[in-house]
């Protein structure tokens, strides 16, 4: 992840820490001023094989029906651990938009649903696919990252 960001000329801060699994743990251990603490979920449409990543503020509840409505489906459910690893090469607790770097887009590309609070924040922080590190960057640079990978992004209000 850091090599990719370096290649784009994106400034970031890499923080090393003990492994964290929940967003609450992350928020308490990795406190950064003026930075949105986020949670990333990998979900699927309950009636199809369409997958999506959802990024929300750490303390916002994921309304699975409301989120699914943004893509014209009835309800989302969480992807299995096996599917997470197959599609993004990560395990639960390590999902983040940086996981898209592992995605085989020739096979499938999961759209990103991102909460407007995250989208409009000053800075964001995410695991780089490893829950013993956190990458902190300005949101404008995060958007540059998403653009560089051609990620379909849907801003949501949950």
Protein backbone atom coordinates (compact mmCIF):
# COMPACT_ATOMS: atom_id res chain seq x y z
CA UNK A 1 0.00 0.00 0.00
CA UNK A 2 2.72 2.46 0.94
CA UNK A 3 4.62 1.72 -2.28
CA UNK A 4 1.44 2.40 -4.27
CA UNK A 5 0.79 5.68 -2.42
CA UNK A 6 4.44 6.68 -2.89
CA UNK A 7 4.07 6.04 -6.61
CA UNK A 8 1.12 8.46 -6.71
CA UNK A 9 3.03 11.08 -4.74
CA UNK A 10 0.49 10.89 -1.92
CA UNK A 11 1.62 12.04 1.52
CA UNK A 12 0.61 9.79 4.40
CA UNK A 13 1.60 8.83 7.90
CA UNK A 14 2.19 5.14 8.71
CA UNK A 15 1.52 4.20 12.33
CA UNK A 16 2.57 0.83 13.78
CA UNK A 17 0.68 -0.59 16.77
CA UNK A 18 -0.56 -3.78 18.39
CA UNK A 19 -3.17 -5.71 16.43
CA UNK A 20 -6.66 -4.23 16.59
CA UNK A 21 -9.80 -5.94 15.33
CA UNK A 22 -12.67 -3.62 16.20
CA UNK A 23 -13.07 0.02 15.27
CA UNK A 24 -13.47 0.89 18.94
CA UNK A 25 -10.06 -0.65 19.71
CA UNK A 26 -8.57 1.23 16.79
CA UNK A 27 -10.07 4.54 17.85
CA UNK A 28 -8.69 4.18 21.39
CA UNK A 29 -5.21 2.99 20.40
CA UNK A 30 -4.65 5.05 17.27
CA UNK A 31 -5.89 8.52 18.15
CA UNK A 32 -5.14 11.12 15.48
CA UNK A 33 -6.40 14.72 15.74
CA UNK A 34 -8.85 15.91 13.06
CA UNK A 35 -9.08 12.43 11.56
CA UNK A 36 -12.16 10.34 10.85
CA UNK A 37 -12.09 6.89 12.45
CA UNK A 38 -13.73 4.58 9.93
CA UNK A 39 -15.01 1.05 9.70
CA UNK A 40 -14.98 -0.89 6.47
CA UNK A 41 -17.40 -3.73 5.78
CA UNK A 42 -17.48 -6.18 2.89
CA UNK A 43 -21.09 -7.09 2.13
CA UNK A 44 -23.14 -8.80 -0.54
CA UNK A 45 -26.59 -8.42 -1.99
CA UNK A 46 -28.61 -11.13 -0.27
CA UNK A 47 -30.16 -12.30 -3.56
CA UNK A 48 -27.16 -12.16 -5.91
CA UNK A 49 -23.40 -12.51 -6.01
CA UNK A 50 -22.83 -8.75 -6.10
CA UNK A 51 -20.38 -7.52 -3.46
CA UNK A 52 -19.75 -4.03 -2.08
CA UNK A 53 -17.45 -2.37 0.38
CA UNK A 54 -19.12 0.01 2.82
CA UNK A 55 -17.13 2.66 4.72
CA UNK A 56 -18.79 4.39 7.66
CA UNK A 57 -17.70 6.47 10.65
CA UNK A 58 -16.58 4.02 13.35
CA UNK A 59 -19.60 4.72 15.56
CA UNK A 60 -22.32 4.62 12.90
CA UNK A 61 -24.55 1.57 12.72
CA UNK A 62 -24.69 -0.16 9.33
CA UNK A 63 -28.31 -0.07 8.17
CA UNK A 64 -28.13 -3.06 5.80
CA UNK A 65 -31.50 -2.33 4.16
CA UNK A 66 -30.88 1.38 3.79
CA UNK A 67 -27.42 0.86 2.32
CA UNK A 68 -28.70 -1.78 -0.11
CA UNK A 69 -31.28 0.71 -1.38
CA UNK A 70 -28.48 2.84 -2.85
CA UNK A 71 -27.73 0.06 -5.35
CA UNK A 72 -31.32 -1.04 -5.93
CA UNK A 73 -31.34 -4.19 -3.82
CA UNK A 74 -33.38 -5.19 -0.79
CA UNK A 75 -30.79 -6.09 1.84
CA UNK A 76 -27.09 -6.68 2.39
CA UNK A 77 -25.46 -9.43 4.42
CA UNK A 78 -21.84 -9.74 5.49
CA UNK A 79 -19.46 -11.58 3.18
CA UNK A 80 -17.97 -14.79 4.50
CA UNK A 81 -14.40 -14.94 5.74
CA UNK A 82 -13.57 -17.13 2.74
CA UNK A 83 -15.00 -14.58 0.29
CA UNK A 84 -13.09 -11.75 1.96
CA UNK A 85 -9.85 -13.61 1.45
CA UNK A 86 -10.74 -14.74 -2.08
CA UNK A 87 -11.71 -11.26 -3.31
CA UNK A 88 -9.52 -8.92 -1.26
CA UNK A 89 -6.82 -11.16 0.26
CA UNK A 90 -7.62 -9.97 3.81
CA UNK A 91 -9.28 -11.34 6.93
CA UNK A 92 -11.97 -9.81 9.14
CA UNK A 93 -10.53 -6.87 11.04
CA UNK A 94 -8.22 -5.90 8.17
CA UNK A 95 -10.72 -4.80 5.50
CA UNK A 96 -10.18 -1.30 4.13
CA UNK A 97 -10.40 0.51 0.81
CA UNK A 98 -6.69 -0.24 0.39
CA UNK A 99 -7.75 -3.89 0.05
CA UNK A 100 -8.95 -2.98 -3.44
CA UNK A 101 -5.30 -3.19 -4.52
CA UNK A 102 -5.68 -7.00 -4.17
CA UNK A 103 -8.88 -7.16 -6.21
CA UNK A 104 -8.85 -9.06 -9.51
CA UNK A 105 -10.82 -6.52 -11.53
CA UNK A 106 -10.79 -8.78 -14.59
CA UNK A 107 -13.01 -11.11 -12.55
CA UNK A 108 -15.09 -8.68 -10.50
CA UNK A 109 -14.93 -5.17 -9.03
CA UNK A 110 -16.90 -4.37 -5.88
CA UNK A 111 -18.29 -0.83 -5.76
CA UNK A 112 -17.56 1.38 -2.76
CA UNK A 113 -20.39 2.89 -0.71
CA UNK A 114 -18.93 5.61 1.50
CA UNK A 115 -20.75 7.67 4.09
CA UNK A 116 -20.89 11.41 3.38
CA UNK A 117 -19.34 12.17 6.79
CA UNK A 118 -16.24 10.20 5.80
CA UNK A 119 -16.24 11.62 2.26
CA UNK A 120 -16.37 15.19 3.59
CA UNK A 121 -13.94 14.76 6.49
CA UNK A 122 -10.53 16.43 6.63
CA UNK A 123 -8.47 13.26 7.12
CA UNK A 124 -9.11 9.51 7.22
CA UNK A 125 -7.27 6.47 8.52
CA UNK A 126 -7.39 2.87 7.36
CA UNK A 127 -5.49 -0.37 7.82
CA UNK A 128 -3.19 -1.11 4.89
CA UNK A 129 -4.51 -4.69 4.83
CA UNK A 130 -2.74 -5.46 8.11
CA UNK A 131 -4.34 -4.67 11.45
CA UNK A 132 -0.97 -3.87 13.09
CA UNK A 133 -0.60 -0.68 11.06
CA UNK A 134 -2.69 2.34 10.12
CA UNK A 135 -2.29 4.74 7.22
CA UNK A 136 -3.43 8.32 7.87
CA UNK A 137 -3.97 10.65 4.91
CA UNK A 138 -5.87 13.73 3.84
CA UNK A 139 -9.25 12.88 2.38
CA UNK A 140 -8.38 14.64 -0.88
CA UNK A 141 -5.44 12.21 -1.22
CA UNK A 142 -7.71 9.29 -0.36
CA UNK A 143 -10.00 10.38 -3.21
CA UNK A 144 -6.94 10.54 -5.48
CA UNK A 145 -6.18 6.93 -4.51
CA UNK A 146 -9.74 5.83 -5.37
CA UNK A 147 -9.58 7.65 -8.70
CA UNK A 148 -6.25 5.99 -9.52
CA UNK A 149 -7.77 2.53 -9.20
CA UNK A 150 -10.93 3.49 -11.10
CA UNK A 151 -13.16 2.60 -8.19
CA UNK A 152 -16.90 3.20 -8.59
CA UNK A 153 -17.81 5.22 -5.54
CA UNK A 154 -21.31 5.98 -4.23
CA UNK A 155 -21.60 8.59 -1.47
CA UNK A 156 -24.38 7.64 0.95
CA UNK A 157 -26.23 9.29 3.84
CA UNK A 158 -27.00 6.66 6.41
